[in-house]
Protein backbone atom coordinates (compact mmCIF):
# COMPACT_ATOMS: atom_id res chain seq x y z
CA MET A 1 -5.13 27.84 -8.05
CA THR A 2 -7.49 25.07 -7.37
CA GLN A 3 -5.95 21.48 -7.41
CA THR A 4 -8.60 19.29 -9.52
CA ARG A 5 -6.37 16.03 -9.69
CA GLY A 6 -4.21 14.32 -7.03
CA ARG A 7 -6.89 13.71 -4.17
CA VAL A 8 -6.08 10.53 -2.57
CA LEU A 9 -8.33 9.01 0.03
CA ILE A 10 -6.45 6.58 2.17
CA ILE A 11 -8.06 3.89 4.11
CA ALA A 12 -5.71 2.48 6.74
CA GLY A 13 -4.48 1.98 10.17
CA SER A 14 -2.33 4.56 12.00
CA ASP A 15 1.20 3.91 13.19
CA SER A 16 2.11 5.99 16.45
CA GLY A 17 5.68 5.66 15.43
CA GLY A 18 5.09 7.61 12.02
CA GLY A 19 7.03 5.37 9.96
CA ALA A 20 4.26 3.31 8.21
CA GLY A 21 0.49 3.40 7.97
CA ILE A 22 -1.54 6.57 7.81
CA GLN A 23 1.16 8.61 8.68
CA ALA A 24 3.70 7.43 6.05
CA ASP A 25 0.73 7.43 3.65
CA ILE A 26 0.12 11.17 4.22
CA LYS A 27 3.83 12.04 3.90
CA ALA A 28 4.22 10.06 0.56
CA VAL A 29 1.11 11.63 -1.24
CA THR A 30 1.89 15.05 0.12
CA CYS A 31 5.76 15.04 -1.04
CA LEU A 32 4.61 13.86 -4.47
CA GLY A 33 2.29 16.55 -4.92
CA GLY A 34 -1.12 15.10 -4.17
CA PHE A 35 -3.69 15.88 -1.51
CA ALA A 36 -4.13 13.38 1.32
CA MET A 37 -7.46 12.48 3.00
CA THR A 38 -7.92 9.52 5.37
CA ALA A 39 -10.26 7.24 7.01
CA ILE A 40 -8.68 5.45 9.89
CA THR A 41 -9.31 1.73 10.40
CA ALA A 42 -7.24 0.88 13.36
CA LEU A 43 -5.16 2.64 16.02
CA THR A 44 -1.68 1.09 16.69
CA ALA A 45 0.67 1.38 19.58
CA GLN A 46 3.93 1.08 17.61
CA ASN A 47 7.56 2.21 17.28
CA THR A 48 10.53 0.72 15.34
CA GLN A 49 10.87 -2.33 17.63
CA GLY A 50 7.35 -3.51 16.86
CA VAL A 51 3.60 -3.33 17.41
CA PHE A 52 2.66 -3.23 21.11
CA GLY A 53 -1.15 -2.92 20.70
CA ILE A 54 -4.11 -2.69 18.14
CA HIS A 55 -7.33 -0.83 18.62
CA ALA A 56 -9.99 -1.34 15.41
CA VAL A 57 -12.08 1.62 14.87
CA PRO A 58 -15.71 0.92 14.96
CA GLU A 59 -17.14 -0.19 11.61
CA GLU A 60 -19.73 2.41 11.05
CA PHE A 61 -17.03 5.04 12.11
CA VAL A 62 -14.83 3.67 9.10
CA ARG A 63 -17.96 4.05 6.80
CA GLU A 64 -18.78 7.45 8.02
CA GLN A 65 -15.26 8.92 7.56
CA ILE A 66 -15.43 7.55 3.82
CA ARG A 67 -19.03 8.98 3.37
CA VAL A 68 -18.18 12.83 4.53
CA VAL A 69 -14.93 12.82 2.63
CA MET A 70 -16.37 11.52 -0.51
CA GLN A 71 -19.46 13.59 -0.31
CA ASP A 72 -17.49 16.88 0.26
CA LEU A 73 -14.05 16.52 -1.09
CA GLY A 74 -13.95 13.71 -3.51
CA ALA A 75 -11.10 11.40 -4.68
CA ASP A 76 -9.22 10.64 -7.59
CA CYS A 77 -7.79 7.50 -6.16
CA LEU A 78 -8.30 5.47 -3.09
CA LYS A 79 -5.25 3.81 -1.17
CA ILE A 80 -6.21 0.74 1.19
CA GLY A 81 -3.76 -0.44 3.67
CA MET A 82 -4.36 -2.18 7.05
CA LEU A 83 -7.89 -3.02 7.70
CA ALA A 84 -7.52 -5.56 10.66
CA THR A 85 -10.73 -7.27 10.59
CA ALA A 86 -13.01 -9.06 8.14
CA GLY A 87 -15.99 -6.95 9.31
CA ILE A 88 -13.87 -3.58 8.48
CA ILE A 89 -12.98 -5.24 5.34
CA ARG A 90 -16.80 -5.80 4.38
CA CYS A 91 -17.73 -2.37 5.56
CA VAL A 92 -15.01 -0.70 3.43
CA ARG A 93 -16.02 -2.48 0.51
CA GLN A 94 -19.85 -1.45 1.01
CA ALA A 95 -18.69 2.12 1.62
CA ILE A 96 -16.68 2.15 -1.77
CA ASP A 97 -19.49 0.81 -3.63
CA ASP A 98 -21.85 3.53 -2.20
CA PHE A 99 -19.67 6.62 -2.30
CA ALA A 100 -16.86 5.79 -4.63
CA PRO A 101 -18.04 3.06 -7.16
CA THR A 102 -15.78 4.37 -9.95
CA VAL A 103 -12.67 5.86 -8.36
CA PRO A 104 -9.48 3.69 -8.83
CA LEU A 105 -8.16 1.58 -6.07
CA VAL A 106 -4.50 0.90 -4.94
CA LEU A 107 -4.85 -2.27 -2.65
CA ASP A 108 -1.99 -2.86 -0.30
CA PRO A 109 -2.93 -6.30 1.34
CA VAL A 110 -1.25 -5.48 4.67
CA MET A 111 -0.83 -8.68 6.84
CA VAL A 112 2.12 -8.43 8.95
CA ALA A 113 4.17 -5.54 10.52
CA LYS A 114 7.96 -5.20 9.67
CA GLY A 115 8.61 -6.75 13.17
CA GLY A 116 6.46 -9.75 12.53
CA HIS A 117 3.26 -8.65 14.39
CA PRO A 118 0.03 -9.73 12.52
CA LEU A 119 -2.18 -6.72 11.23
CA LEU A 120 -4.85 -8.88 9.73
CA GLU A 121 -6.91 -11.33 11.72
CA PRO A 122 -6.55 -14.98 10.04
CA ASP A 123 -10.36 -15.15 9.16
CA ALA A 124 -9.98 -11.88 7.42
CA VAL A 125 -7.74 -13.00 4.59
CA ASP A 126 -10.91 -14.82 2.52
CA ALA A 127 -12.65 -11.42 2.98
CA LEU A 128 -9.86 -9.35 1.47
CA LYS A 129 -9.63 -11.81 -1.59
CA ALA A 130 -13.50 -11.87 -2.05
CA CYS A 131 -14.47 -8.34 -1.29
CA LEU A 132 -11.62 -6.12 -2.15
CA ALA A 133 -9.14 -7.82 -4.60
CA PRO A 134 -11.65 -7.89 -7.42
CA ARG A 135 -12.43 -4.11 -7.24
CA ALA A 136 -8.67 -3.17 -7.12
CA THR A 137 -7.07 -1.25 -9.90
CA VAL A 138 -3.71 -2.82 -8.68
CA ILE A 139 -2.82 -5.02 -5.89
CA THR A 140 0.69 -4.85 -4.36
CA PRO A 141 1.70 -7.67 -2.34
CA ASN A 142 5.11 -8.63 -1.22
CA LEU A 143 6.15 -12.34 -1.36
CA PRO A 144 4.79 -13.43 1.89
CA GLU A 145 1.51 -11.77 1.34
CA ALA A 146 1.38 -13.20 -2.16
CA GLY A 147 2.14 -16.71 -0.59
CA VAL A 148 -0.94 -16.14 1.84
CA LEU A 149 -3.15 -14.96 -0.88
CA THR A 150 -2.19 -18.00 -3.47
CA GLY A 151 -1.12 -20.79 -1.18
CA LEU A 152 2.22 -20.82 -2.73
CA THR A 153 5.62 -20.62 -1.29
CA LEU A 154 7.56 -17.89 -2.95
CA SER A 155 11.21 -17.42 -2.72
CA THR A 156 12.62 -17.32 -6.27
CA GLU A 157 11.95 -15.42 -9.57
CA PRO A 158 10.45 -18.47 -10.89
CA ASP A 159 8.23 -18.80 -7.98
CA MET A 160 7.23 -15.09 -8.49
CA ARG A 161 6.42 -16.10 -12.24
CA ALA A 162 4.41 -18.98 -11.03
CA ALA A 163 2.26 -16.83 -8.67
CA VAL A 164 1.08 -14.35 -11.49
CA ALA A 165 -1.69 -16.38 -12.69
CA PRO A 166 -3.35 -17.14 -9.35
CA LEU A 167 -2.84 -13.52 -8.18
CA ARG A 168 -4.45 -12.11 -11.32
CA ALA A 169 -7.26 -14.80 -10.72
CA LEU A 170 -8.25 -12.84 -7.67
CA GLY A 171 -9.87 -10.20 -10.03
CA ALA A 172 -7.59 -7.02 -9.66
CA GLN A 173 -7.06 -5.13 -13.02
CA ALA A 174 -3.34 -5.52 -12.27
CA VAL A 175 -0.67 -6.93 -9.92
CA LEU A 176 2.62 -5.42 -8.65
CA LEU A 177 4.41 -8.57 -6.98
CA LYS A 178 7.10 -7.00 -4.95
CA GLY A 179 10.36 -9.20 -4.72
CA GLY A 180 12.07 -7.61 -1.71
CA HIS A 181 12.12 -10.92 0.04
CA LEU A 182 13.85 -12.71 -2.73
CA ASP A 183 17.22 -14.07 -1.84
CA GLY A 184 20.54 -12.42 -3.17
CA GLU A 185 21.54 -9.08 -4.30
CA ALA A 186 19.40 -8.67 -7.23
CA LEU A 187 15.73 -7.77 -6.64
CA LEU A 188 12.78 -7.88 -9.06
CA ASP A 189 9.35 -6.29 -8.83
CA LEU A 190 6.79 -7.54 -11.34
CA LEU A 191 3.96 -5.39 -12.67
CA VAL A 192 1.26 -7.42 -14.61
CA GLU A 193 -1.35 -5.57 -16.46
CA PRO A 194 -3.88 -6.89 -19.17
CA SER A 195 -1.62 -5.26 -21.80
CA GLY A 196 1.69 -7.09 -20.60
CA GLN A 197 4.32 -7.22 -17.98
CA THR A 198 6.95 -4.97 -16.87
CA GLU A 199 9.89 -5.75 -14.97
CA TYR A 200 11.55 -3.41 -12.52
CA ARG A 201 15.21 -4.32 -11.20
CA ASP A 202 17.43 -3.05 -8.72
CA SER A 203 20.25 -3.97 -6.18
CA ARG A 204 19.41 -4.84 -2.62
CA LEU A 205 20.22 -1.82 -0.21
CA HIS A 206 21.49 -3.32 3.00
CA THR A 207 19.89 -1.28 5.94
CA ALA A 208 17.60 -1.71 8.73
CA HIS A 209 15.74 1.45 7.93
CA THR A 210 12.78 -0.18 5.81
CA HIS A 211 9.81 0.21 8.09
CA GLY A 212 6.84 1.54 5.93
CA THR A 213 8.14 0.79 2.49
CA GLY A 214 5.09 -1.14 1.57
CA CYS A 215 2.68 1.41 2.80
CA THR A 216 4.84 4.43 1.23
CA LEU A 217 5.40 2.52 -2.26
CA ALA A 218 1.35 1.85 -2.57
CA SER A 219 0.60 5.52 -1.56
CA ALA A 220 3.10 6.89 -4.06
CA ILE A 221 1.62 4.89 -6.71
CA ALA A 222 -1.92 6.02 -5.69
CA ALA A 223 -0.56 9.68 -5.96
CA GLY A 224 0.59 9.06 -9.55
CA VAL A 225 -2.89 7.21 -10.35
CA ALA A 226 -4.78 10.34 -8.87
CA GLN A 227 -2.54 12.42 -10.95
CA GLY A 228 -3.29 10.89 -14.17
CA LEU A 229 -0.14 8.84 -14.72
CA PRO A 230 -0.38 5.49 -16.54
CA LEU A 231 0.33 2.74 -14.10
CA GLU A 232 3.49 1.69 -15.25
CA ARG A 233 4.97 5.33 -14.84
CA ALA A 234 3.25 5.72 -11.59
CA VAL A 235 5.08 2.59 -10.11
CA ALA A 236 8.40 3.85 -11.72
CA ARG A 237 8.17 7.05 -9.94
CA ALA A 238 6.91 5.74 -6.83
CA ARG A 239 9.79 3.03 -6.81
CA ALA A 240 12.37 5.60 -7.23
CA TYR A 241 10.84 7.79 -4.67
CA VAL A 242 10.97 4.92 -2.16
CA ARG A 243 14.54 4.04 -3.11
CA VAL A 244 16.04 7.49 -2.28
CA ALA A 245 13.83 7.57 0.94
CA ILE A 246 15.47 4.28 2.20
CA GLU A 247 18.94 5.48 1.10
CA THR A 248 18.47 8.89 2.97
CA ALA A 249 16.68 7.36 5.98
CA PRO A 250 17.16 9.42 9.13
CA GLY A 251 18.48 6.68 11.15
CA LEU A 252 15.74 6.89 14.05
CA GLY A 253 14.89 4.15 16.37
CA THR A 254 16.58 1.01 17.64
CA GLY A 255 14.81 -1.44 15.36
CA HIS A 256 13.31 -1.21 11.78
CA GLY A 257 13.76 2.62 11.20
CA PRO A 258 11.49 4.85 9.09
CA LEU A 259 12.32 6.27 5.78
CA ASN A 260 13.10 9.83 4.81
CA HIS A 261 9.69 10.70 3.01
CA ALA A 262 10.59 14.41 2.59
CA HIS A 263 13.47 14.19 0.18
CA THR A 264 13.17 15.88 -3.07
CA VAL A 265 15.23 13.97 -5.49
CA VAL A 266 12.20 12.68 -7.35
CA ALA A 267 9.97 15.59 -8.57
CA PRO A 268 6.23 15.52 -7.58
CA ALA A 269 5.03 16.55 -11.19
CA GLY A 270 4.06 13.83 -13.61
């Protein structure tokens, strides 16, 4: 049977350690029943201890990957992760306008790796805000990323709520502000849509095996959007998927370990 929904084109960087980036994205989309395609923006030499090198892909080749995928296979949702440079950001926006102007877009504003290595050049933040945020169906910053995007210091729930208006002012249709960096045991993720707000609450999981959680969550959301789920439901399913992936992590590496993307607790079907 031909699959007519669930195609996700992932525009992001590669993680040689397999825990984040394109590798995590492909796993998440596949395990949730979608079909993953890729346009790789950067190569990284990376493992659970950190990022040891970054090689950006030439802009015209990033564009060519997007073009050939869209003109042949098409996509039901785009997912954007690591873009590395302002030039790649502008190139990706133009390619989206040219080849995928109406396709929903999940934007994960990747800026720093789990180990602290920068994944976005400082002068590229303004390009991200100007070029891609206004095109996004939903943007998914964690608290440090939201702080960079808004100029605010975010460490508490009141801080999160205060950041909603400036984040929405960036132009995305919806914002998922992730509270994993909150202090304490109770965590909040806040989804803000034009129709209202949804709060997702959980208790903190004490583990070092959280490498790639942001990439995985955004791609899981994109899979849901591609499959036709309402955004609130796509986020709920993605969060449940990621939580079990953390709880059942394989324990690999000596640093921030990868998740277990292949668990079957969350059903792929919508």
